[in-house]
Amino acid sequence: MKKITFILILLSVLKVSAQNAIPIPDTLSGTVFNLTMHPDSVQFLPGVKTFTNAFNQYPYLGPTLILQKGDMVTMNVTNTLSDTTTVHWHGVHVPAMADGGPHTVVLSGDTWSPMFEVKNNASTFWYHPHTHMKTGQQAMRGAAGFIIVRDSAEAALPLPRKYGVDDFPIVVQTQQLDSNNQILWRGMNDSLILVNGTQNPMLEIPAQLVRFRLLNGSQERNFNFGFFANQYFYVIGNDGGLLHAPVYVNRIRLSPGERAEILLDVNNMQGQQLYLMSYASELPSGVQGGIPMPGMDSTMYSPINGIDFNILQLNVIAQTVDAITTVPSTLVSYTPWTEAEAVETRNILITAQNMMSMDGPFYFNGQLFDMNRIDYRIPLDNVEIWSITNQTMVAHPFHLHDMEFFVLDRDGVSPSPEESGYKDVVMLAPMETVRFITKFEDYADSTMSYMYHCHILMHEDDGMMGQFVVMPLTSGTHEIKLDDQISVYPNPVSDNLTIQTSTNEQVNVVISDALGKIVFTSVMNPVGNQIKLNTENWSAGMYSVSLKTTGSFVTKAVVKN
C-alpha cells in the first residue's frame, strides 16, 4: 500500500500538464517605496484556504522593487499582522540600522522607514522577514519579494531587460501543508511545488534570448536547475551582480536564499514546449532535496527527494519587436580582493548536537544565537578571509548580511566559473570547508549589528546564527567625530531630551535600548539648532543615541531615570 501511495504522489508531482500561468509581480520604482505586510489566504488545495502573509495587494508574495544604483531611497514598511515582524533587504549593502535584522522590530500597526543609498551593482536581490525565531514561519507564508538593482554598466549591455516580456523573475518554493491545508513551515516532506506562488505553473516566453532571475525561496530544499533534455544555457550573474562573461552550462545549483541570472536561447523554437527542471537525482545525500540518507527518519523525506522533476512549463511564442537574439561575449569588470590584502582570518566551525541529525540544533563555534552577544567586532575597511568548516552530515547555505564576498576555494579547490563574482550565500556540503574574502566597508555602527546565519530557515530560527558590528575608525575620512558640534542633555534624562547642534543640518536619529532594540528612528530637522525628544514613556535604563549627518556621526550613552 505504501508503495502504491508513493507512486501516486510521484505521478502527481511529475504531471506534465501545467495549467496555470504564473503571475509576474507588478513593479514599484522611484525613491520612496511603500510596503504593507498583511495577512491573507490562498486556495492552494481543495477545502480550507491556506493562511498566508503578503505585501500590498497580493495574497501571496509581494511586488518587485526596482532600484537605481546611486539613488537615496526610503522604504516605508507598515505591519498589519497581529504579530511583530521585520523586513530584511537580502544582499543589499545598507547601514546596520536599515538592514532589517532581528533587532529592528516593527510592531503590529507600526511603520518602519529606513533610508539608504543604493550602492550595489545591478543584480537580483530579495526582501523577506527576519524576525527572531519566526523568520521561517513568516517568510514561508509568503512574505517575500524581488529587488532588482539597475546601473549604467548593465544598461549598456545587449541583454534582455524588458520586465515580464523577456526578463522574468522566477521564485521557486516547496511547501508542506497539514491535514487542514495550513503551511508546515518546518516540514521536510515538502512536495507542493510553487513558482511565483502558483501550482502547475506555465510561462509563455518569446522565441529569442530570454532572461530568468532565479531565486530559491524555499525553507530548506536545494535545487539543481536545468532544462529538459539537458539543454544548455548561460549563467550571466549570481547573488551580487553580473559575471565577467557568460558561462555555458546545463546545471546551476541554488541553495535557499541564492540567486542566479541565466539566459536561455529559444531562437527558432516558436510553438515548442520545454521545462525548467530540478535534477535532484544528481544531488548527494546530506544535501536537502537530494538522495535520501540511509537510516534517517523517513518523515524527513519528501517524495520528490532524489528524483528529477518538472518545475515550470515553458511555451515558446512569437518573437517580440527589437528582440535580443545573441549572447554578449563579455559582461562587466570587477577586481576581487586578494589574500595578500586580508588583515584577518576568522574560522567558523559548524557542528551539531547529534552528528546524524538532519534538523539540528546546529552551532557556530559551539554556540547558539544570543541577541545580547556580539560575536565579532570588525574594524571598518577590514579585508578579511572567513573560513567556514561544516562538520555535520547536512549541507548548510551560509549567508552574510550586508557584505558581498568572493569564494576563494572549496576544500582548497577554486570555485567553478558560475560561482565567481559577488556572492552573499554559499552552500557548504557535509564535511566541507569553504573560504571567502570580503571587505567591511562604507558603514560603521558600534551599537547596531549585522547577522550571519544558515539560510535553512528552521536552522536559523533554532539558533544557527551569529552577529557582528562594524566598528568606526578612530580617525580618517570615514568618521568625523561630532562631540564638539553636538551635545545631548540632560543626562540622566526624565521627560525631555535635547539634542543641541552647531548647524541646522538634517540629522538621522537612532535610539536603541541596552539589548540593541531600536526604540526610535527618524530623520529630523533641527529647529533653532535643537531637536527635542519626549522620553516620558521610555523604560528606565541605558540607551544608545546615534546621530548621523552626511559623512559624520556620534554615539552618546544616555540614562533614563
Protein backbone atom coordinates (compact mmCIF):
# COMPACT_ATOMS: atom_id res chain seq x y z
CA MET A 1 0.00 0.00 0.00
CA LYS A 2 2.84 2.43 0.86
CA LYS A 3 4.48 1.76 -2.49
CA ILE A 4 1.23 2.43 -4.39
CA THR A 5 0.68 5.66 -2.45
CA PHE A 6 4.23 6.82 -3.18
CA ILE A 7 3.79 6.12 -6.91
CA LEU A 8 0.53 8.09 -7.00
CA ILE A 9 2.18 11.06 -5.28
CA LEU A 10 5.12 10.85 -7.64
CA LEU A 11 2.89 10.79 -10.69
CA SER A 12 1.11 13.85 -9.38
CA VAL A 13 4.40 15.68 -8.86
CA LEU A 14 5.70 14.80 -12.31
CA LYS A 15 2.44 15.62 -14.07
CA VAL A 16 3.36 17.47 -17.26
CA SER A 17 0.06 19.23 -17.93
CA ALA A 18 0.96 22.63 -16.49
CA GLN A 19 -2.23 24.71 -16.43
CA ASN A 20 -1.68 27.96 -14.57
CA ALA A 21 0.11 30.98 -15.98
CA ILE A 22 2.47 32.29 -13.35
CA PRO A 23 1.90 35.86 -12.18
CA ILE A 24 4.64 38.37 -12.88
CA PRO A 25 4.65 40.73 -9.87
CA ASP A 26 3.99 44.39 -10.53
CA THR A 27 6.94 46.71 -10.03
CA LEU A 28 7.49 49.67 -7.72
CA SER A 29 10.16 52.20 -8.67
CA GLY A 30 11.38 55.65 -7.71
CA THR A 31 12.93 56.66 -4.41
CA VAL A 32 10.05 56.08 -1.97
CA PHE A 33 8.68 52.55 -1.62
CA ASN A 34 5.56 51.72 0.39
CA LEU A 35 5.18 48.12 1.54
CA THR A 36 2.35 46.88 3.72
CA MET A 37 2.68 43.39 5.16
CA HIS A 38 -0.72 41.85 5.76
CA PRO A 39 -2.44 38.51 6.47
CA ASP A 40 -4.31 36.82 3.63
CA SER A 41 -5.26 33.37 2.33
CA VAL A 42 -4.85 31.29 -0.85
CA GLN A 43 -6.75 28.29 -2.24
CA PHE A 44 -3.73 26.02 -2.75
CA LEU A 45 -5.70 22.78 -2.33
CA PRO A 46 -9.43 21.94 -2.29
CA GLY A 47 -11.14 22.59 1.02
CA VAL A 48 -9.92 25.06 3.61
CA LYS A 49 -7.91 28.02 2.34
CA THR A 50 -4.26 28.33 3.40
CA PHE A 51 -3.45 31.32 5.61
CA THR A 52 -0.67 33.44 4.10
CA ASN A 53 1.33 36.63 4.59
CA ALA A 54 1.95 39.02 1.73
CA PHE A 55 2.71 42.61 0.74
CA ASN A 56 0.42 45.27 -0.69
CA GLN A 57 -2.42 43.93 -2.86
CA TYR A 58 -1.07 40.40 -3.19
CA PRO A 59 -2.46 37.36 -1.34
CA TYR A 60 0.98 35.72 -1.52
CA LEU A 61 4.45 37.29 -2.04
CA GLY A 62 4.80 40.97 -2.99
CA PRO A 63 5.77 43.49 -5.68
CA THR A 64 9.20 43.72 -7.31
CA LEU A 65 11.20 46.76 -6.21
CA ILE A 66 13.25 48.40 -8.98
CA LEU A 67 16.18 50.37 -7.51
CA GLN A 68 18.70 52.53 -9.35
CA LYS A 69 22.31 52.49 -8.17
CA GLY A 70 23.20 55.83 -6.61
CA ASP A 71 19.66 56.73 -5.54
CA MET A 72 18.82 57.55 -1.94
CA VAL A 73 15.69 55.52 -1.17
CA THR A 74 13.16 55.34 1.66
CA MET A 75 11.39 52.09 2.50
CA ASN A 76 8.11 52.61 4.35
CA VAL A 77 7.23 49.21 5.84
CA THR A 78 3.84 49.03 7.55
CA ASN A 79 3.00 45.96 9.63
CA THR A 80 -0.69 44.99 9.72
CA LEU A 81 -0.07 41.47 11.01
CA SER A 82 -1.19 40.67 14.54
CA ASP A 83 2.46 39.91 15.35
CA THR A 84 5.75 41.78 15.29
CA THR A 85 7.89 41.46 12.17
CA THR A 86 10.96 42.82 10.39
CA VAL A 87 11.93 43.19 6.74
CA HIS A 88 15.47 42.37 5.61
CA TRP A 89 16.82 43.58 2.25
CA HIS A 90 18.67 40.36 1.45
CA GLY A 91 22.00 41.07 -0.25
CA VAL A 92 21.59 44.85 -0.32
CA HIS A 93 24.50 46.84 1.12
CA VAL A 94 22.93 49.12 3.74
CA PRO A 95 23.71 50.68 7.14
CA ALA A 96 23.12 48.27 10.03
CA MET A 97 20.19 50.32 11.28
CA ALA A 98 18.47 49.81 7.88
CA ASP A 99 19.33 46.11 7.46
CA GLY A 100 16.09 44.78 8.95
CA GLY A 101 17.64 42.13 11.17
CA PRO A 102 16.02 40.70 14.31
CA HIS A 103 16.84 43.79 16.41
CA THR A 104 14.83 46.09 14.14
CA VAL A 105 11.35 45.06 15.23
CA VAL A 106 8.26 46.55 13.56
CA LEU A 107 5.34 46.28 15.96
CA SER A 108 1.83 45.48 14.80
CA GLY A 109 0.31 48.68 13.43
CA ASP A 110 3.66 50.50 13.17
CA THR A 111 5.59 51.76 10.15
CA TRP A 112 9.39 51.49 9.85
CA SER A 113 11.07 53.87 7.40
CA PRO A 114 14.77 53.15 6.83
CA MET A 115 16.71 55.28 4.34
CA PHE A 116 19.83 54.23 2.44
CA GLU A 117 21.84 54.88 -0.69
CA VAL A 118 21.71 52.11 -3.30
CA LYS A 119 25.36 51.07 -3.58
CA ASN A 120 25.03 47.60 -5.12
CA ASN A 121 25.81 46.80 -8.71
CA ALA A 122 22.99 45.67 -10.98
CA SER A 123 21.69 42.30 -9.81
CA THR A 124 18.76 40.42 -8.30
CA PHE A 125 18.09 40.61 -4.57
CA TRP A 126 15.04 39.95 -2.43
CA TYR A 127 13.26 41.05 0.74
CA HIS A 128 11.73 38.92 3.49
CA PRO A 129 11.07 38.96 7.26
CA HIS A 130 13.91 38.32 9.68
CA THR A 131 12.02 38.13 12.96
CA HIS A 132 13.92 36.29 15.68
CA MET A 133 12.66 32.67 15.85
CA LYS A 134 9.85 33.48 13.38
CA THR A 135 11.68 34.07 10.09
CA GLY A 136 10.65 30.71 8.65
CA GLN A 137 7.02 30.99 9.72
CA GLN A 138 6.52 34.47 8.26
CA ALA A 139 8.62 34.07 5.12
CA MET A 140 7.21 30.68 4.14
CA ARG A 141 3.70 32.04 4.47
CA GLY A 142 4.61 34.25 1.53
CA ALA A 143 6.06 37.48 2.91
CA ALA A 144 8.79 37.95 0.30
CA GLY A 145 9.51 39.70 -2.96
CA PHE A 146 12.17 40.53 -5.53
CA ILE A 147 14.51 43.52 -5.63
CA ILE A 148 16.16 44.39 -8.95
CA VAL A 149 19.01 46.90 -8.94
CA ARG A 150 19.89 48.59 -12.23
CA ASP A 151 23.04 50.51 -13.13
CA SER A 152 24.69 52.12 -16.15
CA ALA A 153 27.12 49.23 -16.77
CA GLU A 154 24.30 46.69 -17.09
CA ALA A 155 22.18 49.11 -19.11
CA ALA A 156 24.94 49.40 -21.74
CA LEU A 157 24.96 45.64 -22.42
CA PRO A 158 22.81 43.95 -25.11
CA LEU A 159 20.80 41.90 -22.59
CA PRO A 160 17.07 41.15 -22.27
CA ARG A 161 15.66 43.59 -19.72
CA LYS A 162 12.01 44.12 -20.67
CA TYR A 163 10.46 43.08 -17.37
CA GLY A 164 7.80 40.40 -17.83
CA VAL A 165 8.45 40.23 -21.60
CA ASP A 166 11.93 38.77 -22.00
CA ASP A 167 13.20 39.25 -18.42
CA PHE A 168 11.36 37.16 -15.84
CA PRO A 169 11.57 36.97 -12.01
CA ILE A 170 11.20 33.30 -11.01
CA VAL A 171 10.98 32.32 -7.33
CA VAL A 172 10.75 28.58 -6.72
CA GLN A 173 9.48 27.25 -3.39
CA THR A 174 8.27 23.96 -1.98
CA GLN A 175 5.70 23.74 0.77
CA GLN A 176 4.24 21.09 3.05
CA LEU A 177 0.62 21.52 4.13
CA ASP A 178 -1.03 19.81 7.09
CA SER A 179 -4.38 18.00 7.01
CA ASN A 180 -6.13 21.37 7.35
CA ASN A 181 -4.22 22.85 4.37
CA GLN A 182 -2.04 25.07 6.56
CA ILE A 183 1.67 25.60 5.92
CA LEU A 184 4.01 23.39 7.95
CA TRP A 185 6.96 25.70 7.53
CA ARG A 186 9.32 23.31 9.32
CA GLY A 187 8.07 20.39 7.26
CA MET A 188 10.66 18.39 5.34
CA ASN A 189 8.02 16.39 3.47
CA ASP A 190 7.61 19.34 1.12
CA SER A 191 6.18 18.23 -2.21
CA LEU A 192 3.93 21.18 -3.14
CA ILE A 193 5.94 22.99 -5.84
CA LEU A 194 5.22 26.69 -6.34
CA VAL A 195 6.61 29.09 -8.93
CA ASN A 196 5.77 32.71 -8.13
CA GLY A 197 3.21 31.22 -5.74
CA THR A 198 1.49 29.11 -8.44
CA GLN A 199 0.98 25.35 -8.77
CA ASN A 200 1.22 23.51 -12.08
CA PRO A 201 2.93 26.63 -13.43
CA MET A 202 3.29 27.73 -17.04
CA LEU A 203 5.04 30.68 -18.65
CA GLU A 204 4.96 31.94 -22.24
CA ILE A 205 8.35 33.09 -23.49
CA PRO A 206 9.23 34.67 -26.87
CA ALA A 207 11.38 32.81 -29.44
CA GLN A 208 14.57 34.72 -28.72
CA LEU A 209 17.07 35.13 -25.89
CA VAL A 210 15.21 35.24 -22.57
CA ARG A 211 16.49 36.10 -19.11
CA PHE A 212 15.42 34.31 -15.93
CA ARG A 213 16.17 35.72 -12.49
CA LEU A 214 16.10 32.50 -10.45
CA LEU A 215 15.58 32.64 -6.68
CA ASN A 216 15.46 29.63 -4.40
CA GLY A 217 12.93 30.86 -1.84
CA SER A 218 12.44 27.51 -0.12
CA GLN A 219 12.76 26.77 3.57
CA GLU A 220 15.36 24.02 3.20
CA ARG A 221 15.33 22.49 -0.31
CA ASN A 222 18.24 22.76 -2.73
CA PHE A 223 17.52 22.88 -6.47
CA ASN A 224 19.76 21.57 -9.21
CA PHE A 225 18.23 23.62 -12.02
CA GLY A 226 18.43 22.60 -15.66
CA PHE A 227 16.19 22.28 -18.69
CA PHE A 228 14.52 19.27 -20.24
CA ALA A 229 16.81 17.07 -22.36
CA ASN A 230 19.86 18.73 -20.77
CA GLN A 231 19.52 21.85 -22.89
CA TYR A 232 22.40 24.23 -22.21
CA PHE A 233 22.01 27.83 -21.05
CA TYR A 234 24.20 30.75 -19.96
CA VAL A 235 24.81 31.89 -16.39
CA ILE A 236 25.39 35.65 -16.51
CA GLY A 237 25.14 36.59 -12.83
CA ASN A 238 24.76 35.31 -9.32
CA ASP A 239 23.84 36.80 -5.93
CA GLY A 240 25.57 40.16 -6.18
CA GLY A 241 26.00 41.02 -9.83
CA LEU A 242 26.94 40.09 -13.35
CA LEU A 243 29.95 37.87 -14.10
CA HIS A 244 32.95 38.78 -16.25
CA ALA A 245 31.49 36.69 -19.08
CA PRO A 246 28.60 34.25 -19.64
CA VAL A 247 29.24 30.68 -18.51
CA TYR A 248 27.79 27.91 -20.70
CA VAL A 249 26.34 25.12 -18.50
CA ASN A 250 23.43 22.69 -18.29
CA ARG A 251 23.04 22.88 -14.49
CA ILE A 252 23.02 25.56 -11.80
CA ARG A 253 22.64 24.53 -8.17
CA LEU A 254 20.96 27.00 -5.83
CA SER A 255 20.56 26.55 -2.09
CA PRO A 256 17.96 28.51 -0.08
CA GLY A 257 18.49 32.26 -0.50
CA GLU A 258 20.78 32.01 -3.54
CA ARG A 259 20.02 33.68 -6.86
CA ALA A 260 21.29 33.30 -10.41
CA GLU A 261 20.58 35.19 -13.62
CA ILE A 262 20.56 32.97 -16.69
CA LEU A 263 19.97 33.35 -20.42
CA LEU A 264 18.08 30.70 -22.39
CA ASP A 265 18.33 30.69 -26.17
CA VAL A 266 14.99 29.68 -27.72
CA ASN A 267 15.54 31.26 -31.13
CA ASN A 268 13.72 29.27 -33.86
CA MET A 269 11.68 27.35 -31.24
CA GLN A 270 8.31 29.06 -31.69
CA GLY A 271 5.45 26.66 -30.96
CA GLN A 272 7.64 24.30 -28.95
CA GLN A 273 7.41 23.41 -25.28
CA LEU A 274 10.16 22.78 -22.75
CA TYR A 275 10.56 22.57 -18.99
CA LEU A 276 12.65 24.12 -16.28
CA MET A 277 13.55 21.10 -14.16
CA SER A 278 15.24 20.09 -10.93
CA TYR A 279 17.75 17.29 -11.44
CA ALA A 280 17.65 16.28 -7.79
CA SER A 281 18.89 12.76 -8.56
CA GLU A 282 22.33 14.36 -9.00
CA LEU A 283 22.34 15.88 -5.51
CA PRO A 284 24.20 13.73 -2.96
CA SER A 285 22.99 12.55 0.44
CA GLY A 286 23.10 15.27 3.04
CA VAL A 287 22.11 17.98 0.58
CA GLN A 288 18.45 18.63 1.38
CA GLY A 289 16.40 17.59 -1.62
CA GLY A 290 19.00 15.08 -2.75
CA ILE A 291 19.23 11.31 -2.42
CA PRO A 292 17.84 10.25 0.98
CA MET A 293 20.46 9.29 3.52
CA PRO A 294 20.15 5.61 4.57
CA GLY A 295 18.86 5.08 8.08
CA MET A 296 17.45 8.56 8.58
CA ASP A 297 13.92 9.31 9.83
CA SER A 298 11.58 8.75 6.87
CA THR A 299 9.32 11.65 7.96
CA MET A 300 12.07 13.97 6.71
CA TYR A 301 11.93 12.59 3.19
CA SER A 302 9.72 14.26 0.64
CA PRO A 303 8.59 12.09 -2.31
CA ILE A 304 10.49 14.47 -4.60
CA ASN A 305 13.82 13.98 -2.85
CA GLY A 306 16.47 12.43 -5.06
CA ILE A 307 14.40 12.38 -8.26
CA ASP A 308 14.22 14.61 -11.33
CA PHE A 309 11.03 16.60 -11.74
CA ASN A 310 9.50 19.39 -13.80
CA ILE A 311 9.22 22.80 -12.17
CA LEU A 312 7.92 25.16 -14.86
CA GLN A 313 6.42 24.54 -18.29
CA LEU A 314 7.68 26.99 -20.91
CA ASN A 315 5.62 27.61 -24.05
CA VAL A 316 7.57 29.39 -26.80
CA ILE A 317 5.53 32.05 -28.61
CA ALA A 318 6.33 34.57 -31.34
CA GLN A 319 9.42 36.73 -31.17
CA THR A 320 8.99 40.31 -29.95
CA VAL A 321 9.93 43.51 -31.73
CA ASP A 322 13.61 44.50 -31.21
CA ALA A 323 14.38 41.07 -29.79
CA ILE A 324 17.77 40.27 -28.27
CA THR A 325 18.92 37.13 -30.10
CA THR A 326 22.65 36.81 -29.38
CA VAL A 327 24.61 36.34 -26.16
CA PRO A 328 27.26 39.00 -25.42
CA SER A 329 30.77 37.60 -25.13
CA THR A 330 31.71 39.79 -22.15
CA LEU A 331 29.74 41.38 -19.33
CA VAL A 332 31.29 43.55 -16.58
CA SER A 333 34.65 44.03 -14.91
CA TYR A 334 35.37 43.68 -11.22
CA THR A 335 38.53 43.10 -9.18
CA PRO A 336 38.34 40.61 -6.30
CA TRP A 337 40.29 41.37 -3.15
CA THR A 338 43.46 39.33 -2.85
CA GLU A 339 44.53 37.18 0.06
CA ALA A 340 47.53 39.47 0.48
CA GLU A 341 45.13 42.31 1.34
CA ALA A 342 43.46 40.35 4.15
CA VAL A 343 44.29 41.55 7.66
CA GLU A 344 42.28 38.89 9.49
CA THR A 345 41.17 35.30 9.06
CA ARG A 346 38.11 34.18 11.00
CA ASN A 347 37.39 30.49 11.46
CA ILE A 348 33.82 29.29 11.98
CA LEU A 349 33.11 25.66 12.79
CA ILE A 350 29.64 24.20 12.15
CA THR A 351 28.73 21.35 14.48
CA ALA A 352 25.59 19.55 15.61
CA GLN A 353 24.24 18.26 18.89
CA ASN A 354 23.79 14.96 17.07
CA MET A 355 26.13 14.44 14.13
CA MET A 356 23.49 12.37 12.31
CA SER A 357 20.73 14.92 12.83
CA MET A 358 19.04 16.48 9.79
CA ASP A 359 17.08 19.12 11.72
CA GLY A 360 19.51 20.32 14.40
CA PRO A 361 20.18 22.15 16.54
CA PHE A 362 23.35 23.24 14.77
CA TYR A 363 26.04 25.53 16.17
CA PHE A 364 28.58 28.10 15.06
CA ASN A 365 31.74 27.57 17.12
CA GLY A 366 29.75 25.64 19.71
CA GLN A 367 27.24 28.42 20.36
CA LEU A 368 23.61 29.16 19.57
CA PHE A 369 22.50 32.70 18.76
CA ASP A 370 22.23 35.16 21.65
CA MET A 371 20.64 38.56 21.00
CA ASN A 372 22.88 40.06 23.70
CA ARG A 373 26.20 38.61 22.46
CA ILE A 374 28.30 40.25 19.74
CA ASP A 375 30.42 37.54 18.16
CA TYR A 376 32.80 39.77 16.20
CA ARG A 377 33.76 43.45 16.36
CA ILE A 378 35.25 44.21 12.96
CA PRO A 379 37.11 47.46 12.18
CA LEU A 380 35.74 49.46 9.27
CA ASP A 381 37.55 48.76 5.99
CA ASN A 382 38.96 45.41 7.15
CA VAL A 383 39.59 42.95 4.34
CA GLU A 384 39.05 39.50 5.86
CA ILE A 385 39.05 35.84 4.96
CA TRP A 386 36.29 33.76 6.53
CA SER A 387 36.91 30.04 6.64
CA ILE A 388 33.74 28.03 7.31
CA THR A 389 34.07 24.31 8.09
CA ASN A 390 30.97 22.13 8.10
CA GLN A 391 31.48 19.15 10.40
CA THR A 392 27.91 17.90 10.11
CA MET A 393 26.23 15.43 7.78
CA VAL A 394 23.95 18.18 6.43
CA ALA A 395 24.64 20.86 3.83
CA HIS A 396 24.23 24.44 5.05
CA PRO A 397 23.81 27.65 2.98
CA PHE A 398 25.85 30.31 4.81
CA HIS A 399 24.58 33.89 4.42
CA LEU A 400 26.50 37.03 5.40
CA HIS A 401 24.44 40.18 5.82
CA ASP A 402 25.34 43.42 4.06
CA MET A 403 28.78 42.44 2.73
CA GLU A 404 29.31 40.68 -0.58
CA PHE A 405 32.18 38.24 -0.87
CA PHE A 406 34.21 36.23 -3.36
CA VAL A 407 34.53 32.48 -2.85
CA LEU A 408 38.24 31.59 -2.70
CA ASP A 409 38.06 27.82 -2.63
CA ARG A 410 36.20 24.68 -1.60
CA ASP A 411 38.50 22.28 0.25
CA GLY A 412 41.36 24.04 -1.47
CA VAL A 413 39.86 23.83 -4.97
CA SER A 414 38.94 27.02 -6.83
CA PRO A 415 35.20 27.54 -7.36
CA SER A 416 33.57 26.82 -10.71
CA PRO A 417 33.22 29.83 -13.08
CA GLU A 418 29.48 30.20 -12.43
CA GLU A 419 30.25 30.69 -8.72
CA SER A 420 32.65 33.55 -9.39
CA GLY A 421 31.60 37.14 -8.87
CA TYR A 422 29.93 38.74 -5.87
CA LYS A 423 28.11 36.34 -3.53
CA ASP A 424 26.18 36.63 -0.27
CA VAL A 425 25.14 32.97 0.17
CA VAL A 426 27.43 29.96 -0.22
CA MET A 427 26.44 26.34 0.28
CA LEU A 428 28.72 24.10 2.33
CA ALA A 429 28.43 20.39 1.65
CA PRO A 430 28.80 17.93 4.55
CA MET A 431 32.38 17.86 5.88
CA GLU A 432 33.44 20.68 3.52
CA THR A 433 35.48 23.84 4.17
CA VAL A 434 34.74 26.97 2.16
CA ARG A 435 36.85 30.12 2.30
CA PHE A 436 35.71 33.52 1.08
CA ILE A 437 37.12 37.04 1.15
CA THR A 438 35.25 40.28 1.79
CA LYS A 439 35.68 43.91 2.82
CA PHE A 440 33.69 45.58 5.58
CA GLU A 441 33.30 48.99 4.01
CA ASP A 442 31.16 52.14 3.91
CA TYR A 443 29.10 51.67 7.07
CA ALA A 444 30.13 51.52 10.71
CA ASP A 445 27.93 51.40 13.79
CA SER A 446 29.27 50.28 17.15
CA THR A 447 25.81 49.57 18.56
CA MET A 448 23.77 48.01 15.73
CA SER A 449 24.73 44.56 14.47
CA TYR A 450 24.58 42.58 11.24
CA MET A 451 23.82 38.85 11.10
CA TYR A 452 25.46 35.77 9.63
CA HIS A 453 23.46 32.56 9.61
CA CYS A 454 22.38 29.38 7.90
CA HIS A 455 19.67 30.15 5.36
CA ILE A 456 17.79 26.94 6.07
CA LEU A 457 15.14 28.87 7.93
CA MET A 458 14.40 26.37 10.69
CA HIS A 459 18.15 26.13 11.41
CA GLU A 460 18.35 29.92 11.64
CA ASP A 461 15.29 30.14 13.88
CA ASP A 462 16.68 27.40 16.13
CA GLY A 463 19.81 29.48 16.75
CA MET A 464 22.24 28.80 13.87
CA MET A 465 23.11 32.49 13.70
CA GLY A 466 25.72 34.95 14.90
CA GLN A 467 26.15 38.70 14.78
CA PHE A 468 28.88 41.24 14.25
CA VAL A 469 29.30 45.00 14.40
CA VAL A 470 31.50 47.08 12.13
CA MET A 471 33.46 49.43 14.37
CA PRO A 472 34.13 53.05 13.36
CA LEU A 473 37.68 54.18 12.77
CA THR A 474 39.14 56.49 15.37
CA SER A 475 40.42 58.82 12.68
CA GLY A 476 40.35 59.28 8.94
CA THR A 477 37.81 60.32 6.34
CA HIS A 478 35.25 57.68 7.25
CA GLU A 479 34.47 59.27 10.58
CA ILE A 480 34.17 62.86 11.71
CA LYS A 481 33.55 62.89 15.43
CA LEU A 482 30.82 65.37 16.27
CA ASP A 483 31.43 65.63 20.03
CA ASP A 484 32.38 69.29 19.68
CA GLN A 485 29.37 70.00 17.44
CA ILE A 486 26.56 68.07 19.12
CA SER A 487 25.59 67.76 22.75
CA VAL A 488 22.81 65.69 24.30
CA TYR A 489 21.26 66.74 27.63
CA PRO A 490 20.13 66.33 30.32
CA ASN A 491 21.83 63.05 31.20
CA PRO A 492 20.29 61.30 33.07
CA VAL A 493 17.02 62.30 31.48
CA SER A 494 13.49 62.14 32.83
CA ASP A 495 10.92 63.56 30.42
CA ASN A 496 12.58 65.51 27.58
CA LEU A 497 15.91 65.04 25.81
CA THR A 498 17.54 67.91 23.90
CA ILE A 499 19.98 67.40 21.03
CA GLN A 500 21.94 70.62 20.54
CA THR A 501 23.63 71.01 17.12
CA SER A 502 26.03 73.60 15.73
CA THR A 503 24.10 73.80 12.45
CA ASN A 504 20.59 73.16 11.20
CA GLU A 505 21.75 70.25 9.01
CA GLN A 506 19.35 67.29 8.88
CA VAL A 507 20.18 64.61 11.48
CA ASN A 508 19.41 60.89 11.34
CA VAL A 509 18.49 59.93 14.92
CA VAL A 510 18.54 56.28 16.00
CA ILE A 511 17.95 55.33 19.63
CA SER A 512 18.34 51.76 20.85
CA ASP A 513 17.96 50.18 24.28
CA ALA A 514 20.52 48.09 26.17
CA LEU A 515 19.52 44.98 24.20
CA GLY A 516 20.15 46.67 20.87
CA LYS A 517 16.44 47.04 20.04
CA ILE A 518 15.64 50.26 18.20
CA VAL A 519 13.06 52.25 20.15
CA PHE A 520 13.10 55.34 17.95
CA THR A 521 14.39 56.22 14.49
CA SER A 522 13.75 59.29 12.39
CA VAL A 523 15.41 61.82 10.11
CA MET A 524 14.89 65.17 11.85
CA ASN A 525 15.44 68.83 11.05
CA PRO A 526 16.75 70.94 13.94
CA VAL A 527 14.73 73.98 14.90
CA GLY A 528 16.95 76.75 16.20
CA ASN A 529 19.83 74.24 16.26
CA GLN A 530 17.86 71.97 18.59
CA ILE A 531 15.96 68.68 18.37
CA LYS A 532 13.55 67.87 21.20
CA LEU A 533 12.57 64.28 22.07
CA ASN A 534 9.92 63.25 24.59
CA THR A 535 11.30 60.42 26.74
CA GLU A 536 8.47 60.22 29.26
CA ASN A 537 7.37 56.75 28.11
CA TRP A 538 10.85 55.24 27.93
CA SER A 539 11.57 52.47 30.40
CA ALA A 540 14.32 53.16 32.93
CA GLY A 541 17.75 52.06 31.78
CA MET A 542 20.68 52.74 29.45
CA TYR A 543 20.13 53.91 25.84
CA SER A 544 22.42 54.47 22.88
CA VAL A 545 21.68 57.67 20.94
CA SER A 546 23.26 57.57 17.46
CA LEU A 547 23.29 60.80 15.48
CA LYS A 548 24.39 60.90 11.86
CA THR A 549 24.76 63.62 9.28
CA THR A 550 26.40 63.42 5.84
CA GLY A 551 29.71 61.63 6.39
CA SER A 552 29.61 62.21 10.15
CA PHE A 553 28.29 60.53 13.26
CA VAL A 554 28.45 60.35 17.03
CA THR A 555 27.02 57.90 19.56
CA LYS A 556 26.06 59.01 23.06
CA ALA A 557 25.09 56.87 26.05
CA VAL A 558 22.05 58.26 27.88
CA VAL A 559 20.49 57.04 31.11
CA LYS A 560 16.70 57.27 31.59
CA ASN A 561 15.59 57.65 35.20
